[in-house]
Each structure stands twice: as C-alpha cells, then as structure tokens.
Amino acid sequence: MSFVRLSPNPVPESVEKAIKELETRRKSRVFALVSPNSLVEGLVSDICAQWTVDKLQTLDILLDSVGGDIDVTYQLLNFLRDHTSKLRVVVPDYAKSAATFLCLGADEICLTRTAELGPLDAQIPDPRKSGAFMSALDAFKALEYLRQYAMETLDLAVKMILQRSSLTVREALEEARQFVSIVITPLYQQVRPLDLGEYRRILAVGEEYGRRVMGRYSYAGRQSDDIESIINRIVWSYPSHGFVIDYEEAKELGLNVSLLSKEDSKAAKYIGESVDELVGFVSPAEEQEPCSKPKKREG
C-alpha cells in the first residue's frame, strides 16, 4: 500500500523525502497517521483493507490525532501489532484520547519536547448543550465535590453550634446533621443512578482495553499492580480531558517514553505541519528486511 488518504494530493516531495530520511535514521518503516479527523471505523477499515506490507521488524507510527472511537482504535492496534515485531509511536504534536490509548500498546512512545498525550476519560454527549460533549468523569467529580462539601458543612455547623450554645458535642452533631441534610438532599436528588452506572460502564471500557494491550504487548514484563496504577491515573486522575501529558508527566506515570533527537523532532514536526491529512506509507522501500508472515493472534 502507499497512502490511504492524503491532502494535498500529490504529497509534497519534501515530505516524502523527510519520511524516507526518518526511516533511514531510525532503521524502520514509517506509517503516517496524521489526520484532523477522528479515528473511526471507515478510516481503520481502509487501512486494514489496503495494507500489503509483510510483517516488519520495526514499525514507526507517525501519529498526529485528536483521538476517536476506542473500540476501533483497539482493533487498529491489534492489527498493527500483528504486522510488526516492534511497534513505536512517534508523536510530533498531539496524540490525545483514543490516540493516547494507541500509544499504550506501543513498545516505545517517542515524543518531541512539545508533544502532548492526554487522559483516557471517555467523552459523552452533554445533555445541557446540543452538539457538545462532556467527560464521563464529570458526574463522579460532582459526587466527589458533594461529598466533600457535605463533610465541610457538617464540620462548620458543629463548630458554630458549640460556640453559640451549651449543647454537648453529641447534641451539636445531631443538630448539625439535620441542617446538613436539609442543605444537601436537594443536590443529591439531582443525581441519576442509572446515568452514573452508564458513565461508569463507559469508563470501564477504556480501563479494560488499557489493561489488555499493556499486559499483552509492551508492558508484559511489568507487575499487574504497576499497570493498574497507570490505568487508574490516566483515566481518573486528571481534571480535564484536554490536560497536557507531556514527556515528563508521561515518564512519571511510568509509560515507555523517550525524547526524539533534535533531527528526528524537526523532521516529524515538518511532516505533520506540511500536510492536512496523510495516512499510509511512502512508496514501498527495501531498506528493511521483512520478518515472517504475520501469525494469527491468540486471545
């Protein structure tokens, strides 16, 4: 296969040259996955249908994407792993959301100094705004705030009652409990348990896919507790979906990250900035000996 999608068409010669030079320096084949569009079924189907390259020793995915459908991305990742012995992801600028998930299945995540990964909190339609989306974590963060607010209000109410009356601590606590109940109950009544269950199920999809690809591929040698810690933090710990996970943050998380050399960073950024969309290989090259034909993946 060559390019599945490209804009402009034809690709500038300087971009093809930069990709080939990147392949030579990194001793790999480079598959460009640079797109302003989401990773969705149609794109992934096109990639799989038009793939004609034998299994490679090392495959670099040049990834610039805001994310997309995690189910489809999971299928793409397994397909890519079936076709290479070593998978690396090169991120010049952005690999957010489901694109970050794709990185979790790579043997190495190669970042520029300004590259960004992102949290895996799934996005759902926002019932308050037509056409807008919100994090599935929002409801749980709201519950977390309500719990904290209730406890703080209770503490303040007890202190105030003790200061202004001759009641015992037990009596003050009972009076404060009734007051807090009046304040908090209307807020909790707005919480819909069925919605919470659905949001938790959606978040669990990202968690389970993350466990599977990390345990199956590049983090297979890690303790399960280490993988669980990474998954928990990348799904639950960040305050916004757009939160920047840069090289230092990714390293602190325990991800398999490295910094690109100055030369490779410059080339990767140039490629990403020079096209609107570029998905696929440059014309077939012979620099790397192919491995044996891909075996059927088990499990």
C-alpha atoms as a PDB file:
ATOM      1  CA  MET A   1       0.000   0.000   0.000  1.00  0.00           C
ATOM      2  CA  SER A   2       1.021   3.625  -0.327  1.00  0.00           C
ATOM      3  CA  PHE A   3      -1.122   6.447   1.017  1.00  0.00           C
ATOM      4  CA  VAL A   4      -4.699   5.624   2.002  1.00  0.00           C
ATOM      5  CA  ARG A   5      -5.625   9.278   2.420  1.00  0.00           C
ATOM      6  CA  LEU A   6      -3.705  12.389   1.593  1.00  0.00           C
ATOM      7  CA  SER A   7      -4.214  16.110   1.328  1.00  0.00           C
ATOM      8  CA  PRO A   8      -2.715  17.866  -0.540  1.00  0.00           C
ATOM      9  CA  ASN A   9      -2.522  15.436  -3.409  1.00  0.00           C
ATOM     10  CA  PRO A  10       0.162  14.767  -4.520  1.00  0.00           C
ATOM     11  CA  VAL A  11       2.174  14.857  -1.309  1.00  0.00           C
ATOM     12  CA  PRO A  12       4.971  17.443  -1.480  1.00  0.00           C
ATOM     13  CA  GLU A  13       8.277  15.857  -2.462  1.00  0.00           C
ATOM     14  CA  SER A  14       9.896  17.427   0.589  1.00  0.00           C
ATOM     15  CA  VAL A  15       7.510  15.486   2.843  1.00  0.00           C
ATOM     16  CA  GLU A  16       8.235  12.174   1.136  1.00  0.00           C
ATOM     17  CA  LYS A  17      11.942  12.923   1.417  1.00  0.00           C
ATOM     18  CA  ALA A  18      11.610  13.712   5.124  1.00  0.00           C
ATOM     19  CA  ILE A  19       9.778  10.419   5.749  1.00  0.00           C
ATOM     20  CA  LYS A  20      12.395   8.388   3.891  1.00  0.00           C
ATOM     21  CA  GLU A  21      15.195  10.088   5.796  1.00  0.00           C
ATOM     22  CA  LEU A  22      13.374   9.381   9.046  1.00  0.00           C
ATOM     23  CA  GLU A  23      13.121   5.720   8.048  1.00  0.00           C
ATOM     24  CA  THR A  24      16.829   5.586   7.287  1.00  0.00           C
ATOM     25  CA  ARG A  25      17.911   7.180  10.561  1.00  0.00           C
ATOM     26  CA  ARG A  26      15.529   5.113  12.687  1.00  0.00           C
ATOM     27  CA  LYS A  27      16.030   1.886  10.709  1.00  0.00           C
ATOM     28  CA  SER A  28      12.293   1.373  10.409  1.00  0.00           C
ATOM     29  CA  ARG A  29       9.293   1.781   8.157  1.00  0.00           C
ATOM     30  CA  VAL A  30       7.240   4.878   8.909  1.00  0.00           C
ATOM     31  CA  PHE A  31       3.464   4.704   8.676  1.00  0.00           C
ATOM     32  CA  ALA A  32       1.954   8.183   8.726  1.00  0.00           C
ATOM     33  CA  LEU A  33      -1.282   8.565  10.684  1.00  0.00           C
ATOM     34  CA  VAL A  34      -1.729  12.324  10.501  1.00  0.00           C
ATOM     35  CA  SER A  35      -5.359  13.360  10.329  1.00  0.00           C
ATOM     36  CA  PRO A  36      -7.657  16.129  11.556  1.00  0.00           C
ATOM     37  CA  ASN A  37     -10.469  13.569  11.549  1.00  0.00           C
ATOM     38  CA  SER A  38     -11.278  11.127  14.316  1.00  0.00           C
ATOM     39  CA  LEU A  39     -10.099   7.533  14.342  1.00  0.00           C
ATOM     40  CA  VAL A  40     -13.317   5.918  13.165  1.00  0.00           C
ATOM     41  CA  GLU A  41     -14.355   2.660  11.548  1.00  0.00           C
ATOM     42  CA  GLY A  42     -14.158   3.879   7.942  1.00  0.00           C
ATOM     43  CA  LEU A  43     -10.561   5.053   8.272  1.00  0.00           C
ATOM     44  CA  VAL A  44      -9.391   1.932  10.074  1.00  0.00           C
ATOM     45  CA  SER A  45     -11.187  -0.322   7.589  1.00  0.00           C
ATOM     46  CA  ASP A  46      -9.411   1.445   4.732  1.00  0.00           C
ATOM     47  CA  ILE A  47      -6.037   0.965   6.422  1.00  0.00           C
ATOM     48  CA  CYS A  48      -6.585  -2.750   7.004  1.00  0.00           C
ATOM     49  CA  ALA A  49      -8.074  -3.381   3.563  1.00  0.00           C
ATOM     50  CA  GLN A  50      -5.241  -1.661   1.688  1.00  0.00           C
ATOM     51  CA  TRP A  51      -2.348  -2.983   3.791  1.00  0.00           C
ATOM     52  CA  THR A  52       0.020  -5.034   1.612  1.00  0.00           C
ATOM     53  CA  VAL A  53       3.267  -4.862   3.597  1.00  0.00           C
ATOM     54  CA  ASP A  54       4.705  -8.053   5.059  1.00  0.00           C
ATOM     55  CA  LYS A  55       5.421  -8.245   8.760  1.00  0.00           C
ATOM     56  CA  LEU A  56       8.159  -5.764   9.615  1.00  0.00           C
ATOM     57  CA  GLN A  57      10.962  -5.817  12.108  1.00  0.00           C
ATOM     58  CA  THR A  58      10.290  -2.253  13.295  1.00  0.00           C
ATOM     59  CA  LEU A  59       7.296  -0.058  12.505  1.00  0.00           C
ATOM     60  CA  ASP A  60       7.090   3.617  13.471  1.00  0.00           C
ATOM     61  CA  ILE A  61       3.620   5.181  13.542  1.00  0.00           C
ATOM     62  CA  LEU A  62       3.924   8.918  12.939  1.00  0.00           C
ATOM     63  CA  LEU A  63       0.835   9.890  14.905  1.00  0.00           C
ATOM     64  CA  ASP A  64      -0.943  13.246  14.994  1.00  0.00           C
ATOM     65  CA  SER A  65      -4.560  12.778  16.068  1.00  0.00           C
ATOM     66  CA  VAL A  66      -7.146  14.135  18.496  1.00  0.00           C
ATOM     67  CA  GLY A  67      -8.490  10.623  19.088  1.00  0.00           C
ATOM     68  CA  GLY A  68     -11.730   8.908  18.178  1.00  0.00           C
ATOM     69  CA  ASP A  69     -13.531   5.613  18.759  1.00  0.00           C
ATOM     70  CA  ILE A  70     -11.629   3.488  21.285  1.00  0.00           C
ATOM     71  CA  ASP A  71     -13.231   0.226  20.058  1.00  0.00           C
ATOM     72  CA  VAL A  72     -11.990   0.897  16.539  1.00  0.00           C
ATOM     73  CA  THR A  73      -8.587   2.030  17.819  1.00  0.00           C
ATOM     74  CA  TYR A  74      -8.259  -1.224  19.765  1.00  0.00           C
ATOM     75  CA  GLN A  75      -8.819  -3.159  16.531  1.00  0.00           C
ATOM     76  CA  LEU A  76      -6.278  -0.998  14.698  1.00  0.00           C
ATOM     77  CA  LEU A  77      -3.678  -1.514  17.416  1.00  0.00           C
ATOM     78  CA  ASN A  78      -4.060  -5.295  17.305  1.00  0.00           C
ATOM     79  CA  PHE A  79      -3.764  -5.189  13.515  1.00  0.00           C
ATOM     80  CA  LEU A  80      -0.567  -3.151  13.701  1.00  0.00           C
ATOM     81  CA  ARG A  81       0.917  -5.446  16.345  1.00  0.00           C
ATOM     82  CA  ASP A  82       0.211  -8.425  14.103  1.00  0.00           C
ATOM     83  CA  HIS A  83       2.291  -6.811  11.361  1.00  0.00           C
ATOM     84  CA  THR A  84       5.447  -5.850  13.227  1.00  0.00           C
ATOM     85  CA  SER A  85       7.847  -7.282  15.774  1.00  0.00           C
ATOM     86  CA  LYS A  86       8.471  -3.871  17.321  1.00  0.00           C
ATOM     87  CA  LEU A  87       5.977  -1.018  17.332  1.00  0.00           C
ATOM     88  CA  ARG A  88       6.969   2.552  18.133  1.00  0.00           C
ATOM     89  CA  VAL A  89       4.757   5.631  18.057  1.00  0.00           C
ATOM     90  CA  VAL A  90       6.272   8.975  17.074  1.00  0.00           C
ATOM     91  CA  VAL A  91       4.260  11.974  18.291  1.00  0.00           C
ATOM     92  CA  PRO A  92       5.330  15.375  16.957  1.00  0.00           C
ATOM     93  CA  ASP A  93       2.419  17.361  18.417  1.00  0.00           C
ATOM     94  CA  TYR A  94      -0.818  15.669  19.548  1.00  0.00           C
ATOM     95  CA  ALA A  95      -1.962  12.149  20.359  1.00  0.00           C
ATOM     96  CA  LYS A  96      -4.991  12.714  22.559  1.00  0.00           C
ATOM     97  CA  SER A  97      -7.745  10.488  23.934  1.00  0.00           C
ATOM     98  CA  ALA A  98      -8.028   7.287  21.825  1.00  0.00           C
ATOM     99  CA  ALA A  99      -4.723   8.212  20.146  1.00  0.00           C
ATOM    100  CA  THR A 100      -3.140   8.104  23.616  1.00  0.00           C
ATOM    101  CA  PHE A 101      -4.660   4.643  24.004  1.00  0.00           C
ATOM    102  CA  LEU A 102      -2.928   3.614  20.771  1.00  0.00           C
ATOM    103  CA  CYS A 103       0.348   4.724  22.354  1.00  0.00           C
ATOM    104  CA  LEU A 104      -0.225   2.439  25.353  1.00  0.00           C
ATOM    105  CA  GLY A 105       0.142  -0.580  23.071  1.00  0.00           C
ATOM    106  CA  ALA A 106       3.479   0.559  21.637  1.00  0.00           C
ATOM    107  CA  ASP A 107       6.886  -0.704  22.734  1.00  0.00           C
ATOM    108  CA  GLU A 108       8.090   2.883  22.813  1.00  0.00           C
ATOM    109  CA  ILE A 109       6.396   6.288  22.737  1.00  0.00           C
ATOM    110  CA  CYS A 110       8.742   8.793  21.095  1.00  0.00           C
ATOM    111  CA  LEU A 111       7.863  12.416  21.850  1.00  0.00           C
ATOM    112  CA  THR A 112       9.119  15.842  20.930  1.00  0.00           C
ATOM    113  CA  ARG A 113       9.536  18.287  23.802  1.00  0.00           C
ATOM    114  CA  THR A 114       6.192  19.908  22.946  1.00  0.00           C
ATOM    115  CA  ALA A 115       4.212  16.733  22.184  1.00  0.00           C
ATOM    116  CA  GLU A 116       1.026  16.010  24.116  1.00  0.00           C
ATOM    117  CA  LEU A 117      -0.729  12.852  25.196  1.00  0.00           C
ATOM    118  CA  GLY A 118      -3.991  13.081  27.117  1.00  0.00           C
ATOM    119  CA  PRO A 119      -6.282  11.395  29.659  1.00  0.00           C
ATOM    120  CA  LEU A 120      -8.493   8.442  28.714  1.00  0.00           C
ATOM    121  CA  ASP A 121     -11.711   9.762  30.249  1.00  0.00           C
ATOM    122  CA  ALA A 122     -14.343   8.919  27.666  1.00  0.00           C
ATOM    123  CA  GLN A 123     -16.401  11.734  26.145  1.00  0.00           C
ATOM    124  CA  ILE A 124     -20.193  11.573  26.074  1.00  0.00           C
ATOM    125  CA  PRO A 125     -22.891  13.900  24.674  1.00  0.00           C
ATOM    126  CA  ASP A 126     -23.565  16.816  27.009  1.00  0.00           C
ATOM    127  CA  PRO A 127     -27.315  16.873  27.834  1.00  0.00           C
ATOM    128  CA  ARG A 128     -27.061  20.600  28.619  1.00  0.00           C
ATOM    129  CA  LYS A 129     -25.706  21.667  25.219  1.00  0.00           C
ATOM    130  CA  SER A 130     -26.747  20.275  21.870  1.00  0.00           C
ATOM    131  CA  GLY A 131     -23.764  19.014  19.879  1.00  0.00           C
ATOM    132  CA  ALA A 132     -21.356  19.440  22.787  1.00  0.00           C
ATOM    133  CA  PHE A 133     -19.532  16.740  24.720  1.00  0.00           C
ATOM    134  CA  MET A 134     -18.535  16.258  28.345  1.00  0.00           C
ATOM    135  CA  SER A 135     -16.297  13.865  30.222  1.00  0.00           C
ATOM    136  CA  ALA A 136     -17.913  10.755  31.674  1.00  0.00           C
ATOM    137  CA  LEU A 137     -15.912  11.668  34.779  1.00  0.00           C
ATOM    138  CA  ASP A 138     -17.920  14.858  35.335  1.00  0.00           C
ATOM    139  CA  ALA A 139     -20.704  13.113  37.253  1.00  0.00           C
ATOM    140  CA  PHE A 140     -18.210  11.366  39.521  1.00  0.00           C
ATOM    141  CA  LYS A 141     -16.306  14.602  40.113  1.00  0.00           C
ATOM    142  CA  ALA A 142     -19.619  16.227  41.037  1.00  0.00           C
ATOM    143  CA  LEU A 143     -20.309  13.450  43.546  1.00  0.00           C
ATOM    144  CA  GLU A 144     -16.810  13.835  44.939  1.00  0.00           C
ATOM    145  CA  TYR A 145     -17.417  17.553  45.419  1.00  0.00           C
ATOM    146  CA  LEU A 146     -20.816  16.991  47.057  1.00  0.00           C
ATOM    147  CA  ARG A 147     -19.282  14.522  49.498  1.00  0.00           C
ATOM    148  CA  GLN A 148     -16.516  16.961  50.388  1.00  0.00           C
ATOM    149  CA  TYR A 149     -18.993  19.848  50.638  1.00  0.00           C
ATOM    150  CA  ALA A 150     -21.269  17.845  52.964  1.00  0.00           C
ATOM    151  CA  MET A 151     -18.395  16.979  55.312  1.00  0.00           C
ATOM    152  CA  GLU A 152     -17.083  20.545  55.393  1.00  0.00           C
ATOM    153  CA  THR A 153     -20.577  21.918  56.041  1.00  0.00           C
ATOM    154  CA  LEU A 154     -21.079  19.423  58.864  1.00  0.00           C
ATOM    155  CA  ASP A 155     -17.776  20.406  60.493  1.00  0.00           C
ATOM    156  CA  LEU A 156     -18.596  24.116  60.291  1.00  0.00           C
ATOM    157  CA  ALA A 157     -22.126  23.617  61.601  1.00  0.00           C
ATOM    158  CA  VAL A 158     -20.910  21.616  64.626  1.00  0.00           C
ATOM    159  CA  LYS A 159     -18.289  24.244  65.485  1.00  0.00           C
ATOM    160  CA  MET A 160     -20.811  27.074  65.171  1.00  0.00           C
ATOM    161  CA  ILE A 161     -23.408  25.312  67.355  1.00  0.00           C
ATOM    162  CA  LEU A 162     -20.829  24.525  70.046  1.00  0.00           C
ATOM    163  CA  GLN A 163     -19.646  28.142  70.071  1.00  0.00           C
ATOM    164  CA  ARG A 164     -23.163  29.580  70.343  1.00  0.00           C
ATOM    165  CA  SER A 165     -24.878  27.117  72.654  1.00  0.00           C
ATOM    166  CA  SER A 166     -24.360  24.938  75.707  1.00  0.00           C
ATOM    167  CA  LEU A 167     -25.112  21.721  73.819  1.00  0.00           C
ATOM    168  CA  THR A 168     -22.812  18.715  74.136  1.00  0.00           C
ATOM    169  CA  VAL A 169     -20.783  17.528  71.142  1.00  0.00           C
ATOM    170  CA  ARG A 170     -23.228  14.672  70.547  1.00  0.00           C
ATOM    171  CA  GLU A 171     -26.201  17.032  70.669  1.00  0.00           C
ATOM    172  CA  ALA A 172     -24.455  19.550  68.402  1.00  0.00           C
ATOM    173  CA  LEU A 173     -23.622  16.797  65.931  1.00  0.00           C
ATOM    174  CA  GLU A 174     -27.260  15.717  65.724  1.00  0.00           C
ATOM    175  CA  GLU A 175     -28.447  19.296  65.167  1.00  0.00           C
ATOM    176  CA  ALA A 176     -25.776  19.830  62.515  1.00  0.00           C
ATOM    177  CA  ARG A 177     -26.667  16.556  60.797  1.00  0.00           C
ATOM    178  CA  GLN A 178     -30.260  17.682  60.355  1.00  0.00           C
ATOM    179  CA  PHE A 179     -29.139  21.044  58.987  1.00  0.00           C
ATOM    180  CA  VAL A 180     -26.712  19.465  56.501  1.00  0.00           C
ATOM    181  CA  SER A 181     -29.392  17.028  55.371  1.00  0.00           C
ATOM    182  CA  ILE A 182     -31.697  19.931  54.503  1.00  0.00           C
ATOM    183  CA  VAL A 183     -28.924  21.640  52.513  1.00  0.00           C
ATOM    184  CA  ILE A 184     -27.504  18.591  50.725  1.00  0.00           C
ATOM    185  CA  THR A 185     -30.568  16.459  49.965  1.00  0.00           C
ATOM    186  CA  PRO A 186     -31.874  18.645  47.077  1.00  0.00           C
ATOM    187  CA  LEU A 187     -28.435  18.454  45.457  1.00  0.00           C
ATOM    188  CA  TYR A 188     -28.179  14.667  45.741  1.00  0.00           C
ATOM    189  CA  GLN A 189     -31.710  14.301  44.381  1.00  0.00           C
ATOM    190  CA  GLN A 190     -30.427  15.631  41.051  1.00  0.00           C
ATOM    191  CA  VAL A 191     -28.034  12.685  40.741  1.00  0.00           C
ATOM    192  CA  ARG A 192     -29.438   9.942  38.497  1.00  0.00           C
ATOM    193  CA  PRO A 193     -28.114   6.475  39.454  1.00  0.00           C
ATOM    194  CA  LEU A 194     -28.791   4.980  36.017  1.00  0.00           C
ATOM    195  CA  ASP A 195     -26.715   7.705  34.374  1.00  0.00           C
ATOM    196  CA  LEU A 196     -23.901   7.095  36.854  1.00  0.00           C
ATOM    197  CA  GLY A 197     -23.986   3.396  36.035  1.00  0.00           C
ATOM    198  CA  GLU A 198     -23.811   4.103  32.315  1.00  0.00           C
ATOM    199  CA  TYR A 199     -20.930   6.556  32.727  1.00  0.00           C
ATOM    200  CA  ARG A 200     -19.038   4.051  34.876  1.00  0.00           C
ATOM    201  CA  ARG A 201     -19.534   1.378  32.236  1.00  0.00           C
ATOM    202  CA  ILE A 202     -18.173   3.702  29.538  1.00  0.00           C
ATOM    203  CA  LEU A 203     -15.083   4.498  31.604  1.00  0.00           C
ATOM    204  CA  ALA A 204     -14.583   0.790  32.296  1.00  0.00           C
ATOM    205  CA  VAL A 205     -14.229   0.164  28.553  1.00  0.00           C
ATOM    206  CA  GLY A 206     -11.102   2.327  28.420  1.00  0.00           C
ATOM    207  CA  GLU A 207      -9.758   0.748  31.590  1.00  0.00           C
ATOM    208  CA  GLU A 208     -10.202  -2.806  30.336  1.00  0.00           C
ATOM    209  CA  TYR A 209      -8.782  -2.129  26.879  1.00  0.00           C
ATOM    210  CA  GLY A 210      -5.808  -0.438  28.536  1.00  0.00           C
ATOM    211  CA  ARG A 211      -5.150  -3.432  30.786  1.00  0.00           C
ATOM    212  CA  ARG A 212      -5.370  -5.811  27.855  1.00  0.00           C
ATOM    213  CA  VAL A 213      -2.992  -4.060  25.471  1.00  0.00           C
ATOM    214  CA  MET A 214      -0.449  -3.148  28.133  1.00  0.00           C
ATOM    215  CA  GLY A 215      -0.405  -6.652  29.603  1.00  0.00           C
ATOM    216  CA  ARG A 216      -0.401  -8.333  26.196  1.00  0.00           C
ATOM    217  CA  TYR A 217       2.250  -6.225  24.499  1.00  0.00           C
ATOM    218  CA  SER A 218       4.843  -3.714  25.642  1.00  0.00           C
ATOM    219  CA  TYR A 219       4.236  -3.842  29.419  1.00  0.00           C
ATOM    220  CA  ALA A 220       4.020  -7.628  29.640  1.00  0.00           C
ATOM    221  CA  GLY A 221       7.017  -7.755  31.978  1.00  0.00           C
ATOM    222  CA  ARG A 222       5.506  -5.290  34.448  1.00  0.00           C
ATOM    223  CA  GLN A 223       3.727  -6.220  37.644  1.00  0.00           C
ATOM    224  CA  SER A 224      -0.055  -6.089  37.282  1.00  0.00           C
ATOM    225  CA  ASP A 225      -0.155  -3.500  40.082  1.00  0.00           C
ATOM    226  CA  ASP A 226       2.087  -1.199  38.012  1.00  0.00           C
ATOM    227  CA  ILE A 227      -0.215  -1.473  35.006  1.00  0.00           C
ATOM    228  CA  GLU A 228      -3.270  -0.923  37.206  1.00  0.00           C
ATOM    229  CA  SER A 229      -1.683   2.201  38.693  1.00  0.00           C
ATOM    230  CA  ILE A 230      -1.007   3.681  35.251  1.00  0.00           C
ATOM    231  CA  ILE A 231      -4.531   2.896  34.030  1.00  0.00           C
ATOM    232  CA  ASN A 232      -6.140   4.321  37.140  1.00  0.00           C
ATOM    233  CA  ARG A 233      -4.218   7.572  36.901  1.00  0.00           C
ATOM    234  CA  ILE A 234      -4.635   8.116  33.181  1.00  0.00           C
ATOM    235  CA  VAL A 235      -8.410   7.506  33.380  1.00  0.00           C
ATOM    236  CA  TRP A 236      -9.332   9.057  36.737  1.00  0.00           C
ATOM    237  CA  SER A 237      -6.685  11.488  37.964  1.00  0.00           C
ATOM    238  CA  TYR A 238      -6.685  14.427  35.569  1.00  0.00           C
ATOM    239  CA  PRO A 239      -9.023  17.426  35.966  1.00  0.00           C
ATOM    240  CA  SER A 240      -9.867  17.886  32.271  1.00  0.00           C
ATOM    241  CA  HIS A 241      -9.967  15.936  29.024  1.00  0.00           C
ATOM    242  CA  GLY A 242      -7.536  18.392  27.452  1.00  0.00           C
ATOM    243  CA  PHE A 243      -4.962  18.114  30.238  1.00  0.00           C
ATOM    244  CA  VAL A 244      -1.429  18.023  28.790  1.00  0.00           C
ATOM    245  CA  ILE A 245       0.543  14.854  29.458  1.00  0.00           C
ATOM    246  CA  ASP A 246       3.986  15.831  28.194  1.00  0.00           C
ATOM    247  CA  TYR A 247       7.220  13.849  28.236  1.00  0.00           C
ATOM    248  CA  GLU A 248       7.987  14.488  31.902  1.00  0.00           C
ATOM    249  CA  GLU A 249       4.438  13.657  33.005  1.00  0.00           C
ATOM    250  CA  ALA A 250       4.345  10.508  30.856  1.00  0.00           C
ATOM    251  CA  LYS A 251       7.675   9.393  32.280  1.00  0.00           C
ATOM    252  CA  GLU A 252       6.429   9.993  35.830  1.00  0.00           C
ATOM    253  CA  LEU A 253       3.331   7.938  35.019  1.00  0.00           C
ATOM    254  CA  GLY A 254       5.584   5.007  34.148  1.00  0.00           C
ATOM    255  CA  LEU A 255       4.981   4.928  30.391  1.00  0.00           C
ATOM    256  CA  ASN A 256       7.639   3.701  27.969  1.00  0.00           C
ATOM    257  CA  VAL A 257       8.591   7.137  26.661  1.00  0.00           C
ATOM    258  CA  SER A 258      11.672   8.643  25.094  1.00  0.00           C
ATOM    259  CA  LEU A 259      12.570  12.010  23.610  1.00  0.00           C
ATOM    260  CA  LEU A 260      13.185  12.230  19.891  1.00  0.00           C
ATOM    261  CA  SER A 261      16.535  13.525  18.769  1.00  0.00           C
ATOM    262  CA  LYS A 262      16.637  17.121  17.575  1.00  0.00           C
ATOM    263  CA  GLU A 263      16.897  15.938  13.964  1.00  0.00           C
ATOM    264  CA  ASP A 264      14.007  13.475  14.236  1.00  0.00           C
ATOM    265  CA  SER A 265      11.870  16.006  16.106  1.00  0.00           C
ATOM    266  CA  LYS A 266      12.398  18.570  13.372  1.00  0.00           C
ATOM    267  CA  ALA A 267      11.524  16.060  10.635  1.00  0.00           C
ATOM    268  CA  ALA A 268       8.425  14.729  12.419  1.00  0.00           C
ATOM    269  CA  LYS A 269       7.095  18.223  13.075  1.00  0.00           C
ATOM    270  CA  TYR A 270       7.789  19.278   9.493  1.00  0.00           C
ATOM    271  CA  ILE A 271       5.823  16.316   8.137  1.00  0.00           C
ATOM    272  CA  GLY A 272       2.849  16.984  10.413  1.00  0.00           C
ATOM    273  CA  GLU A 273       2.768  20.696   9.657  1.00  0.00           C
ATOM    274  CA  SER A 274       3.164  20.303   5.882  1.00  0.00           C
ATOM    275  CA  VAL A 275       0.033  18.239   5.207  1.00  0.00           C
ATOM    276  CA  ASP A 276      -3.639  18.440   6.061  1.00  0.00           C
ATOM    277  CA  GLU A 277      -4.015  14.658   6.121  1.00  0.00           C
ATOM    278  CA  LEU A 278      -1.566  11.843   5.461  1.00  0.00           C
ATOM    279  CA  VAL A 279      -2.362   8.194   6.180  1.00  0.00           C
ATOM    280  CA  GLY A 280      -0.170   5.372   4.908  1.00  0.00           C
ATOM    281  CA  PHE A 281       3.363   4.579   3.757  1.00  0.00           C
ATOM    282  CA  VAL A 282       5.517   6.316   1.222  1.00  0.00           C
ATOM    283  CA  SER A 283       6.127   4.090  -1.799  1.00  0.00           C
ATOM    284  CA  PRO A 284       7.397   0.626  -0.760  1.00  0.00           C
ATOM    285  CA  ALA A 285      11.020   0.629   0.326  1.00  0.00           C
ATOM    286  CA  GLU A 286      13.575  -2.155   0.587  1.00  0.00           C
ATOM    287  CA  GLU A 287      15.703  -0.773   3.399  1.00  0.00           C
ATOM    288  CA  GLN A 288      14.384  -3.225   5.975  1.00  0.00           C
ATOM    289  CA  GLU A 289      14.193  -6.973   5.628  1.00  0.00           C
ATOM    290  CA  PRO A 290      10.686  -8.220   6.345  1.00  0.00           C
ATOM    291  CA  CYS A 291      10.036 -10.811   9.049  1.00  0.00           C
ATOM    292  CA  SER A 292       7.984 -13.926   8.539  1.00  0.00           C
ATOM    293  CA  LYS A 293       4.345 -13.636   7.601  1.00  0.00           C
ATOM    294  CA  PRO A 294       2.102 -12.467  10.455  1.00  0.00           C
ATOM    295  CA  LYS A 295       0.722 -15.219  12.622  1.00  0.00           C
ATOM    296  CA  LYS A 296      -2.833 -15.287  13.806  1.00  0.00           C
ATOM    297  CA  ARG A 297      -3.070 -13.523  17.151  1.00  0.00           C
ATOM    298  CA  GLU A 298      -4.326 -15.608  20.049  1.00  0.00           C
ATOM    299  CA  GLY A 299      -6.520 -14.398  22.867  1.00  0.00           C
END
